């Protein structure tokens, strides 16, 4: 792999990269930084977690003129979380230069943002809607911008931001450099590039390079009803330092985070319906390790860059390979190892195989955790806690009491009793999780015991038949015609 020192970067940038603990550039960084530094427009295809922010952030910072107090670069992101993450990382890369990035997003007081804009940041990182608001208010002027980045472009178009993006790009001077990054390159992305970019150079990082070999990937086949208990069992066995549980809907986020708390875990949910203040609080508490588990939807977790996430659990299987890579990329960061476990139903197995074919990697099959494995896991954790106290020499005040107890009871019995006291017993508090139909890929069959889905009237739908309300309407129309 190329080293940052080989990329002809300024000493200030190299110093900040070393301070961040990085030496080698990722494939997307090694290939795109030289192109961007030469001033070419660029189409970069790479997944989340491959180092895209530094890939475009380093050229932005290097090319910003510190002698000007005007906005010179703009980064457009799909979500507020990603805007904050990107701005934070750019500021870390620019820590030894007089360059500052400001995040602009919806949900935050716009007057507060206007006051921050008066401090003259050189780089703006924002979501399309809020950027358009500022442009219309003339609190952000685009005539001085010479660099534009579209980050997670496919996600922005999927979320319906095409009109806002086109409006923003149309108002930025044509004499600019445009960098577009996307996990996929569908026709609408290419049409956008053709309309607003000049002879862009395309860089594509293959899927096999982005599935991160330091992440152990597993799957467990089970019915929908077994998922929650299996999740709790895995948490008890693996005892993650920080874990993210991905689910399909906002309702599932609320139900599962509440259920985990009932079972004695420290968990909070993250989804799009939360207020910005609440979302910031959840992310901050997770970063500070005040909570151990975050339950989130894909969109809410887009762009999260939190170090120390040891485990990712796909409670609901992701809809496509890109989402899968995005999810598991939350762990195994900064050279550390991580574990990703995906729960699948029998109906979803073929969809899982499609993901494996796309990422060019086989997941390891695991069996549903047993009660003996749970107890063994908790016993191991209790032993580790005990040994940690010994190692940290935090038992001096208890030596006299221990000697007194040993006069009446042997040491093995006492130690066994102590381990029993600190071993967490499996919690099987009854939990009610609403049913969520599995992702129907191209697989066949149905989970054992899974009933055939019914419509709102409680009738099993038959292919090609009219529903009862439609049949009634058809009869009414027929009677009117005969009259």
Protein backbone atom coordinates (compact mmCIF):
# COMPACT_ATOMS: atom_id res chain seq x y z
CA UNK A 1 0.00 0.00 0.00
CA UNK A 2 1.17 3.56 -0.72
CA UNK A 3 2.28 5.74 2.16
CA UNK A 4 0.97 9.27 2.62
CA UNK A 5 4.56 10.48 2.50
CA UNK A 6 4.70 9.28 -1.14
CA UNK A 7 1.75 11.48 -2.21
CA UNK A 8 3.61 14.83 -2.23
CA UNK A 9 1.53 16.36 0.55
CA UNK A 10 2.46 19.39 2.65
CA UNK A 11 4.24 18.91 5.96
CA UNK A 12 1.23 20.30 7.83
CA UNK A 13 -1.04 17.60 6.35
CA UNK A 14 1.52 14.85 6.95
CA UNK A 15 1.90 15.96 10.58
CA UNK A 16 -1.85 15.83 11.17
CA UNK A 17 -2.14 12.40 9.50
CA UNK A 18 0.63 11.07 11.72
CA UNK A 19 -1.08 12.60 14.76
CA UNK A 20 -4.24 10.74 13.76
CA UNK A 21 -2.24 7.49 13.73
CA UNK A 22 -2.20 6.80 9.98
CA UNK A 23 0.77 6.05 7.75
CA UNK A 24 -0.52 4.03 4.79
CA UNK A 25 -3.17 5.29 2.40
CA UNK A 26 -6.18 3.11 1.58
CA UNK A 27 -6.71 2.15 -2.10
CA UNK A 28 -9.28 4.91 -2.69
CA UNK A 29 -6.96 7.49 -1.09
CA UNK A 30 -3.87 6.36 -2.99
CA UNK A 31 -5.68 6.49 -6.33
CA UNK A 32 -7.81 9.63 -5.96
CA UNK A 33 -5.58 12.09 -4.07
CA UNK A 34 -3.04 12.53 -6.93
CA UNK A 35 -5.87 12.96 -9.48
CA UNK A 36 -7.68 15.50 -7.31
CA UNK A 37 -4.46 17.38 -6.59
CA UNK A 38 -3.92 17.81 -10.34
CA UNK A 39 -7.32 19.52 -10.61
CA UNK A 40 -9.26 16.86 -12.56
CA UNK A 41 -12.95 16.14 -12.02
CA UNK A 42 -13.32 12.70 -10.48
CA UNK A 43 -15.89 9.90 -10.17
CA UNK A 44 -14.96 7.69 -7.22
CA UNK A 45 -16.81 4.44 -6.61
CA UNK A 46 -16.15 3.09 -3.13
CA UNK A 47 -18.08 1.88 -0.11
CA UNK A 48 -18.41 3.56 3.28
CA UNK A 49 -15.47 2.78 5.54
CA UNK A 50 -12.78 2.87 2.84
CA UNK A 51 -11.38 6.28 3.78
CA UNK A 52 -13.33 8.43 1.32
CA UNK A 53 -13.41 11.49 3.58
CA UNK A 54 -9.62 11.78 3.62
CA UNK A 55 -9.56 10.95 -0.11
CA UNK A 56 -11.39 14.19 -0.91
CA UNK A 57 -10.67 16.09 2.32
CA UNK A 58 -6.89 16.17 1.87
CA UNK A 59 -7.01 17.75 -1.65
CA UNK A 60 -9.65 20.24 -0.47
CA UNK A 61 -7.47 21.42 2.40
CA UNK A 62 -4.29 21.49 0.30
CA UNK A 63 -5.92 23.66 -2.38
CA UNK A 64 -7.67 26.12 -0.06
CA UNK A 65 -6.04 29.54 0.07
CA UNK A 66 -5.54 30.60 3.69
CA UNK A 67 -5.08 34.20 2.51
CA UNK A 68 -8.79 34.36 1.55
CA UNK A 69 -11.58 34.43 4.11
CA UNK A 70 -14.22 33.36 1.55
CA UNK A 71 -15.93 29.96 1.28
CA UNK A 72 -13.85 28.08 -1.29
CA UNK A 73 -15.14 24.50 -1.10
CA UNK A 74 -18.45 22.81 -0.43
CA UNK A 75 -19.17 19.17 0.46
CA UNK A 76 -22.74 17.93 0.02
CA UNK A 77 -23.81 14.90 2.11
CA UNK A 78 -27.14 13.05 2.43
CA UNK A 79 -27.55 13.18 6.23
CA UNK A 80 -26.82 15.49 9.12
CA UNK A 81 -24.80 12.79 10.88
CA UNK A 82 -22.52 12.40 7.87
CA UNK A 83 -22.17 16.18 7.56
CA UNK A 84 -20.96 16.37 11.16
CA UNK A 85 -18.61 13.40 10.71
CA UNK A 86 -17.08 14.78 7.51
CA UNK A 87 -16.61 18.27 8.96
CA UNK A 88 -15.01 16.81 12.08
CA UNK A 89 -12.56 14.69 10.08
CA UNK A 90 -11.65 17.57 7.75
CA UNK A 91 -10.90 19.73 10.79
CA UNK A 92 -8.71 16.97 12.23
CA UNK A 93 -6.78 16.71 8.95
CA UNK A 94 -6.45 20.52 8.88
CA UNK A 95 -5.42 20.85 12.54
CA UNK A 96 -1.98 22.24 11.59
CA UNK A 97 -3.28 24.56 8.87
CA UNK A 98 -5.45 27.65 9.19
CA UNK A 99 -8.35 25.94 7.45
CA UNK A 100 -11.73 25.28 9.03
CA UNK A 101 -14.79 23.30 7.94
CA UNK A 102 -18.31 24.10 9.19
CA UNK A 103 -21.21 21.58 9.18
CA UNK A 104 -24.58 22.94 8.02
CA UNK A 105 -27.69 20.76 8.36
CA UNK A 106 -31.40 20.77 9.06
CA UNK A 107 -32.67 20.38 12.61
CA UNK A 108 -30.19 22.93 13.97
CA UNK A 109 -31.12 26.57 14.65
CA UNK A 110 -30.48 28.40 11.38
CA UNK A 111 -29.64 31.66 13.18
CA UNK A 112 -26.88 29.86 15.06
CA UNK A 113 -25.55 28.62 11.73
CA UNK A 114 -25.64 32.15 10.31
CA UNK A 115 -23.54 33.37 13.26
CA UNK A 116 -21.04 30.54 12.62
CA UNK A 117 -20.88 31.44 8.93
CA UNK A 118 -19.80 34.98 9.87
CA UNK A 119 -16.59 33.46 11.29
CA UNK A 120 -15.57 32.77 7.67
CA UNK A 121 -14.99 29.00 7.33
CA UNK A 122 -13.23 28.08 4.07
CA UNK A 123 -15.09 24.75 3.69
CA UNK A 124 -18.83 24.13 4.13
CA UNK A 125 -20.15 20.60 4.70
CA UNK A 126 -23.92 20.41 4.45
CA UNK A 127 -27.10 18.58 3.58
CA UNK A 128 -28.86 19.59 0.34
CA UNK A 129 -32.02 21.06 1.88
CA UNK A 130 -30.32 23.27 4.43
CA UNK A 131 -27.66 24.38 1.96
CA UNK A 132 -30.41 25.50 -0.43
CA UNK A 133 -32.07 27.44 2.42
CA UNK A 134 -28.85 29.35 3.10
CA UNK A 135 -28.24 29.99 -0.59
CA UNK A 136 -31.74 31.47 -0.97
CA UNK A 137 -31.19 33.62 2.15
CA UNK A 138 -27.81 34.67 0.68
CA UNK A 139 -26.10 33.66 3.93
CA UNK A 140 -23.94 31.35 1.80
CA UNK A 141 -22.66 32.81 -1.47
CA UNK A 142 -21.38 30.47 -4.14
CA UNK A 143 -19.40 32.77 -6.44
CA UNK A 144 -16.09 32.11 -4.61
CA UNK A 145 -16.41 28.30 -4.58
CA UNK A 146 -13.90 26.44 -6.75
CA UNK A 147 -14.20 22.91 -5.32
CA UNK A 148 -17.34 20.77 -4.91
CA UNK A 149 -17.70 17.27 -3.44
CA UNK A 150 -20.80 15.08 -3.68
CA UNK A 151 -20.44 12.41 -0.98
CA UNK A 152 -22.66 9.30 -0.98
CA UNK A 153 -24.27 10.54 -4.20
CA UNK A 154 -26.41 7.42 -4.71
CA UNK A 155 -27.83 7.79 -1.21
CA UNK A 156 -28.72 11.44 -1.85
CA UNK A 157 -30.57 10.60 -5.05
CA UNK A 158 -32.33 7.69 -3.38
CA UNK A 159 -33.51 10.09 -0.66
CA UNK A 160 -34.97 12.42 -3.32
CA UNK A 161 -32.40 15.25 -3.27
CA UNK A 162 -31.79 15.41 -7.04
CA UNK A 163 -33.62 18.73 -7.49
CA UNK A 164 -31.73 20.41 -4.63
CA UNK A 165 -28.36 19.11 -5.87
CA UNK A 166 -28.98 20.33 -9.42
CA UNK A 167 -30.09 23.73 -8.13
CA UNK A 168 -26.95 24.10 -6.00
CA UNK A 169 -24.56 22.95 -8.75
CA UNK A 170 -26.21 25.25 -11.29
CA UNK A 171 -25.39 28.29 -9.15
CA UNK A 172 -21.73 27.41 -8.53
CA UNK A 173 -19.28 28.87 -11.09
CA UNK A 174 -18.52 26.49 -13.97
CA UNK A 175 -14.76 26.99 -13.44
CA UNK A 176 -14.67 24.56 -10.56
CA UNK A 177 -13.40 21.09 -9.72
CA UNK A 178 -16.10 18.50 -8.94
CA UNK A 179 -15.47 15.27 -7.07
CA UNK A 180 -18.31 12.74 -6.87
CA UNK A 181 -18.18 9.69 -4.61
CA UNK A 182 -20.77 6.93 -4.64
CA UNK A 183 -21.05 3.29 -3.58
CA UNK A 184 -22.82 2.48 -6.86
CA UNK A 185 -22.91 4.15 -10.28
CA UNK A 186 -26.47 3.82 -11.62
CA UNK A 187 -27.72 5.71 -14.70
CA UNK A 188 -29.00 8.73 -12.76
CA UNK A 189 -25.58 9.24 -11.14
CA UNK A 190 -23.87 9.08 -14.53
CA UNK A 191 -26.45 11.50 -15.96
CA UNK A 192 -25.70 13.92 -13.13
CA UNK A 193 -21.96 13.58 -13.80
CA UNK A 194 -22.43 14.16 -17.52
CA UNK A 195 -24.43 17.31 -16.85
CA UNK A 196 -22.20 18.95 -14.24
CA UNK A 197 -18.69 17.48 -14.63
CA UNK A 198 -15.93 17.95 -17.22
CA UNK A 199 -14.19 14.80 -18.48
CA UNK A 200 -14.15 13.14 -15.06
CA UNK A 201 -11.56 10.44 -14.35
CA UNK A 202 -13.22 7.34 -12.90
CA UNK A 203 -11.72 5.39 -9.99
CA UNK A 204 -13.41 2.19 -8.89
CA UNK A 205 -12.46 0.20 -5.80
CA UNK A 206 -13.66 -3.39 -6.22
CA UNK A 207 -15.91 -4.96 -3.59
CA UNK A 208 -13.28 -7.51 -2.61
CA UNK A 209 -11.08 -4.64 -1.47
CA UNK A 210 -13.69 -3.12 0.82
CA UNK A 211 -15.13 -6.02 2.82
CA UNK A 212 -12.37 -5.52 5.35
CA UNK A 213 -10.50 -8.75 6.11
CA UNK A 214 -10.16 -7.84 9.79
CA UNK A 215 -13.92 -8.23 10.27
CA UNK A 216 -15.07 -11.75 11.09
CA UNK A 217 -18.39 -12.30 9.30
CA UNK A 218 -20.97 -14.82 10.53
CA UNK A 219 -24.62 -15.65 9.92
CA UNK A 220 -27.20 -17.55 11.96
CA UNK A 221 -30.33 -19.04 10.43
CA UNK A 222 -33.41 -18.79 12.64
CA UNK A 223 -37.10 -17.91 12.66
CA UNK A 224 -38.30 -14.36 13.29
CA UNK A 225 -39.48 -15.33 16.80
CA UNK A 226 -36.01 -16.55 17.79
CA UNK A 227 -34.18 -13.37 16.86
CA UNK A 228 -34.46 -11.33 20.04
CA UNK A 229 -33.55 -14.10 22.47
CA UNK A 230 -30.64 -15.06 20.21
CA UNK A 231 -29.43 -11.45 20.19
CA UNK A 232 -29.48 -11.35 24.01
CA UNK A 233 -27.67 -14.68 24.18
CA UNK A 234 -24.93 -13.43 21.83
CA UNK A 235 -24.54 -10.25 23.89
CA UNK A 236 -24.10 -12.38 27.01
CA UNK A 237 -21.61 -14.72 25.33
CA UNK A 238 -19.54 -12.12 23.46
CA UNK A 239 -19.84 -9.18 25.88
CA UNK A 240 -19.10 -6.48 23.26
CA UNK A 241 -17.47 -3.25 24.38
CA UNK A 242 -19.61 -1.27 21.92
CA UNK A 243 -22.20 -2.83 19.59
CA UNK A 244 -24.55 -1.58 16.88
CA UNK A 245 -27.75 -3.52 16.14
CA UNK A 246 -29.17 -2.78 12.68
CA UNK A 247 -32.90 -3.18 12.07
CA UNK A 248 -35.20 -2.42 9.16
CA UNK A 249 -37.73 0.08 10.55
CA UNK A 250 -38.05 2.93 13.04
CA UNK A 251 -40.69 0.96 14.94
CA UNK A 252 -38.23 -1.93 15.38
CA UNK A 253 -35.60 0.50 16.69
CA UNK A 254 -37.94 1.67 19.45
CA UNK A 255 -39.19 -1.81 20.34
CA UNK A 256 -35.80 -3.52 20.41
CA UNK A 257 -33.96 -0.76 22.30
CA UNK A 258 -36.75 -0.74 24.91
CA UNK A 259 -36.72 -4.55 25.12
CA UNK A 260 -32.94 -4.63 25.59
CA UNK A 261 -33.23 -2.20 28.49
CA UNK A 262 -35.90 -4.40 30.06
CA UNK A 263 -33.45 -7.30 29.87
CA UNK A 264 -30.81 -5.27 31.71
CA UNK A 265 -28.66 -4.02 28.81
CA UNK A 266 -27.64 -0.40 28.29
CA UNK A 267 -29.12 0.48 24.89
CA UNK A 268 -30.58 3.43 22.97
CA UNK A 269 -32.17 3.80 19.55
CA UNK A 270 -31.27 6.02 16.60
CA UNK A 271 -33.66 6.73 13.73
CA UNK A 272 -34.86 9.55 11.51
CA UNK A 273 -37.85 10.61 13.63
CA UNK A 274 -35.70 11.68 16.59
CA UNK A 275 -35.06 15.39 17.09
CA UNK A 276 -31.57 16.58 16.24
CA UNK A 277 -30.81 17.24 19.92
CA UNK A 278 -31.87 13.71 20.82
CA UNK A 279 -29.81 12.18 17.98
CA UNK A 280 -26.74 14.14 19.08
CA UNK A 281 -27.25 12.94 22.67
CA UNK A 282 -27.51 9.28 21.64
CA UNK A 283 -24.37 9.47 19.47
CA UNK A 284 -22.46 11.31 22.20
CA UNK A 285 -23.47 8.78 24.87
CA UNK A 286 -22.43 5.93 22.59
CA UNK A 287 -19.08 7.58 21.83
CA UNK A 288 -18.49 8.17 25.55
CA UNK A 289 -19.47 4.53 26.25
CA UNK A 290 -22.25 5.63 28.60
CA UNK A 291 -24.35 3.13 26.64
CA UNK A 292 -23.00 -0.11 25.20
CA UNK A 293 -25.53 -0.81 22.45
CA UNK A 294 -27.00 1.38 19.71
CA UNK A 295 -30.03 0.13 17.79
CA UNK A 296 -30.28 1.92 14.44
CA UNK A 297 -31.73 2.01 10.95
CA UNK A 298 -29.44 2.23 7.91
CA UNK A 299 -30.20 5.88 7.14
CA UNK A 300 -29.74 7.00 10.76
CA UNK A 301 -26.35 5.30 11.00
CA UNK A 302 -25.12 6.51 7.60
CA UNK A 303 -21.71 8.11 8.03
CA UNK A 304 -21.26 7.18 11.71
CA UNK A 305 -17.55 6.99 12.46
CA UNK A 306 -17.18 5.84 16.05
CA UNK A 307 -13.98 4.13 17.11
CA UNK A 308 -14.19 1.14 19.41
CA UNK A 309 -17.26 -0.60 17.92
CA UNK A 310 -16.37 -4.26 18.42
CA UNK A 311 -19.57 -5.95 17.19
CA UNK A 312 -22.26 -5.34 14.58
CA UNK A 313 -25.48 -7.36 14.61
CA UNK A 314 -27.71 -7.36 11.54
CA UNK A 315 -30.96 -8.14 13.36
CA UNK A 316 -32.73 -7.67 10.00
CA UNK A 317 -30.80 -8.59 6.87
CA UNK A 318 -29.83 -5.54 4.76
CA UNK A 319 -31.62 -5.05 1.44
CA UNK A 320 -28.51 -4.95 -0.74
CA UNK A 321 -24.75 -5.67 -0.66
CA UNK A 322 -23.90 -1.96 -0.42
CA UNK A 323 -25.94 -1.62 2.77
CA UNK A 324 -24.28 -4.75 4.15
CA UNK A 325 -20.78 -3.36 3.55
CA UNK A 326 -21.86 -0.02 5.03
CA UNK A 327 -23.21 -1.72 8.16
CA UNK A 328 -20.28 -3.99 8.92
CA UNK A 329 -17.90 -1.12 8.15
CA UNK A 330 -18.94 0.45 11.47
CA UNK A 331 -16.59 -2.06 13.16
CA UNK A 332 -13.02 -3.16 12.39
CA UNK A 333 -11.82 0.43 12.00
CA UNK A 334 -8.35 1.91 12.37
CA UNK A 335 -6.72 -1.49 11.93
CA UNK A 336 -8.69 -3.13 14.74
CA UNK A 337 -10.64 -6.39 14.44
CA UNK A 338 -14.42 -6.62 14.54
CA UNK A 339 -17.23 -9.17 14.45
CA UNK A 340 -20.35 -8.91 12.27
CA UNK A 341 -23.25 -11.35 12.71
CA UNK A 342 -26.29 -11.45 10.43
CA UNK A 343 -29.60 -13.05 11.42
CA UNK A 344 -31.40 -14.68 8.49
CA UNK A 345 -34.62 -16.62 8.12
CA UNK A 346 -34.95 -19.65 5.86
CA UNK A 347 -36.71 -17.43 3.31
CA UNK A 348 -33.74 -15.02 3.22
CA UNK A 349 -30.92 -17.52 2.63
CA UNK A 350 -30.76 -16.94 -1.14
CA UNK A 351 -30.60 -13.18 -0.53
CA UNK A 352 -27.66 -13.81 1.81
CA UNK A 353 -25.95 -15.80 -0.94
CA UNK A 354 -26.41 -12.84 -3.32
CA UNK A 355 -24.64 -10.60 -0.80
CA UNK A 356 -21.81 -13.13 -0.47
CA UNK A 357 -21.39 -13.29 -4.24
CA UNK A 358 -21.29 -9.51 -4.46
CA UNK A 359 -18.70 -9.02 -1.71
CA UNK A 360 -16.77 -12.11 -2.88
CA UNK A 361 -16.60 -13.55 0.59
CA UNK A 362 -18.31 -16.42 2.38
CA UNK A 363 -19.82 -15.81 5.80
CA UNK A 364 -19.27 -18.47 8.45
CA UNK A 365 -22.41 -20.29 9.53
CA UNK A 366 -23.08 -20.39 13.27
CA UNK A 367 -25.71 -22.28 15.22
CA UNK A 368 -28.25 -20.61 17.49
CA UNK A 369 -26.62 -20.00 20.90
CA UNK A 370 -27.46 -22.54 23.62
CA UNK A 371 -28.12 -21.83 27.30
CA UNK A 372 -24.89 -23.66 28.20
CA UNK A 373 -22.91 -21.33 25.91
CA UNK A 374 -24.57 -18.31 27.52
CA UNK A 375 -23.70 -19.48 31.04
CA UNK A 376 -20.14 -20.34 29.98
CA UNK A 377 -19.80 -16.87 28.42
CA UNK A 378 -20.98 -15.14 31.58
CA UNK A 379 -18.68 -17.29 33.71
CA UNK A 380 -15.74 -16.28 31.51
CA UNK A 381 -16.64 -12.61 31.88
CA UNK A 382 -16.93 -12.98 35.69
CA UNK A 383 -13.50 -14.63 35.78
CA UNK A 384 -11.99 -11.82 33.71
CA UNK A 385 -13.47 -9.22 36.08
CA UNK A 386 -12.01 -11.03 39.07
CA UNK A 387 -8.55 -11.28 37.49
CA UNK A 388 -8.69 -7.62 36.53
CA UNK A 389 -9.23 -6.66 40.18
CA UNK A 390 -6.22 -8.81 41.11
CA UNK A 391 -4.11 -7.24 38.36
CA UNK A 392 -5.06 -3.72 39.41
CA UNK A 393 -4.32 -4.56 43.07
CA UNK A 394 -7.68 -3.20 44.27
CA UNK A 395 -8.35 -5.76 47.00
CA UNK A 396 -6.08 -4.69 49.87
CA UNK A 397 -8.99 -3.61 52.12
CA UNK A 398 -10.51 -7.09 51.86
CA UNK A 399 -7.49 -9.23 52.82
CA UNK A 400 -8.32 -9.37 56.54
CA UNK A 401 -11.93 -10.35 55.78
CA UNK A 402 -10.76 -13.04 53.35
CA UNK A 403 -8.38 -14.51 55.94
CA UNK A 404 -11.21 -14.62 58.47
CA UNK A 405 -13.49 -16.43 56.01
CA UNK A 406 -10.74 -18.91 55.16
CA UNK A 407 -10.65 -20.02 58.81
CA UNK A 408 -14.13 -21.52 58.33
CA UNK A 409 -14.32 -22.32 54.59
CA UNK A 410 -11.82 -23.66 52.08
CA UNK A 411 -10.53 -21.36 49.33
CA UNK A 412 -12.10 -23.26 46.40
CA UNK A 413 -15.56 -23.01 47.94
CA UNK A 414 -15.15 -19.30 48.66
CA UNK A 415 -13.85 -18.50 45.18
CA UNK A 416 -16.68 -20.50 43.59
CA UNK A 417 -19.23 -18.57 45.64
CA UNK A 418 -17.64 -15.25 44.65
CA UNK A 419 -17.74 -16.20 40.96
CA UNK A 420 -21.40 -17.20 41.29
CA UNK A 421 -22.25 -13.83 42.82
CA UNK A 422 -20.65 -11.83 39.99
CA UNK A 423 -21.83 -14.09 37.15
CA UNK A 424 -24.84 -12.62 35.38
CA UNK A 425 -27.68 -15.10 35.13
CA UNK A 426 -29.56 -15.23 31.77
CA UNK A 427 -32.47 -12.79 31.83
CA UNK A 428 -35.59 -14.16 30.15
CA UNK A 429 -38.02 -11.34 30.94
CA UNK A 430 -40.96 -11.76 28.48
CA UNK A 431 -40.62 -9.37 25.55
CA UNK A 432 -43.12 -8.51 22.82
CA UNK A 433 -41.61 -7.59 19.43
CA UNK A 434 -44.04 -6.96 16.58
CA UNK A 435 -43.67 -9.28 13.60
CA UNK A 436 -41.72 -8.04 10.64
CA UNK A 437 -41.96 -10.00 7.41
CA UNK A 438 -38.57 -11.28 6.23
CA UNK A 439 -36.86 -9.74 3.24
CA UNK A 440 -38.22 -11.76 0.32
CA UNK A 441 -35.29 -12.10 -2.01
CA UNK A 442 -35.19 -14.86 -4.61
CA UNK A 443 -35.24 -17.62 -2.01
CA UNK A 444 -37.98 -20.19 -1.72
CA UNK A 445 -39.93 -21.62 1.11
CA UNK A 446 -41.07 -20.20 4.42
CA UNK A 447 -39.80 -20.46 7.96
CA UNK A 448 -41.03 -23.43 9.90
CA UNK A 449 -44.08 -22.40 11.82
CA UNK A 450 -44.40 -19.17 9.86
CA UNK A 451 -47.97 -18.57 8.76
CA UNK A 452 -48.91 -17.47 5.31
CA UNK A 453 -49.20 -13.63 5.29
CA UNK A 454 -52.74 -12.27 5.35
CA UNK A 455 -54.26 -9.06 4.09
CA UNK A 456 -55.96 -6.44 6.26
CA UNK A 457 -59.25 -8.35 6.20
CA UNK A 458 -57.54 -11.48 7.51
CA UNK A 459 -57.81 -13.39 4.23
CA UNK A 460 -54.91 -15.16 2.58
CA UNK A 461 -54.23 -13.37 -0.71
CA UNK A 462 -54.42 -15.52 -3.84
CA UNK A 463 -52.36 -14.54 -6.85
CA UNK A 464 -54.52 -13.07 -9.57
CA UNK A 465 -57.69 -12.84 -7.46
CA UNK A 466 -59.49 -9.62 -6.63
CA UNK A 467 -59.56 -8.53 -3.01
CA UNK A 468 -63.02 -8.37 -1.43
CA UNK A 469 -63.34 -4.54 -1.60
CA UNK A 470 -62.34 -4.50 -5.30
CA UNK A 471 -64.78 -7.32 -6.09
CA UNK A 472 -67.61 -5.35 -4.46
CA UNK A 473 -66.76 -2.23 -6.50
CA UNK A 474 -66.73 -4.30 -9.69
CA UNK A 475 -70.22 -5.66 -8.92
CA UNK A 476 -71.56 -2.17 -8.19
CA UNK A 477 -70.26 -0.85 -11.53
CA UNK A 478 -71.84 -3.80 -13.32
CA UNK A 479 -75.27 -3.09 -11.73
CA UNK A 480 -75.09 0.60 -12.70
CA UNK A 481 -74.33 -0.31 -16.34
CA UNK A 482 -77.25 -2.80 -16.55
CA UNK A 483 -79.68 -0.17 -15.26
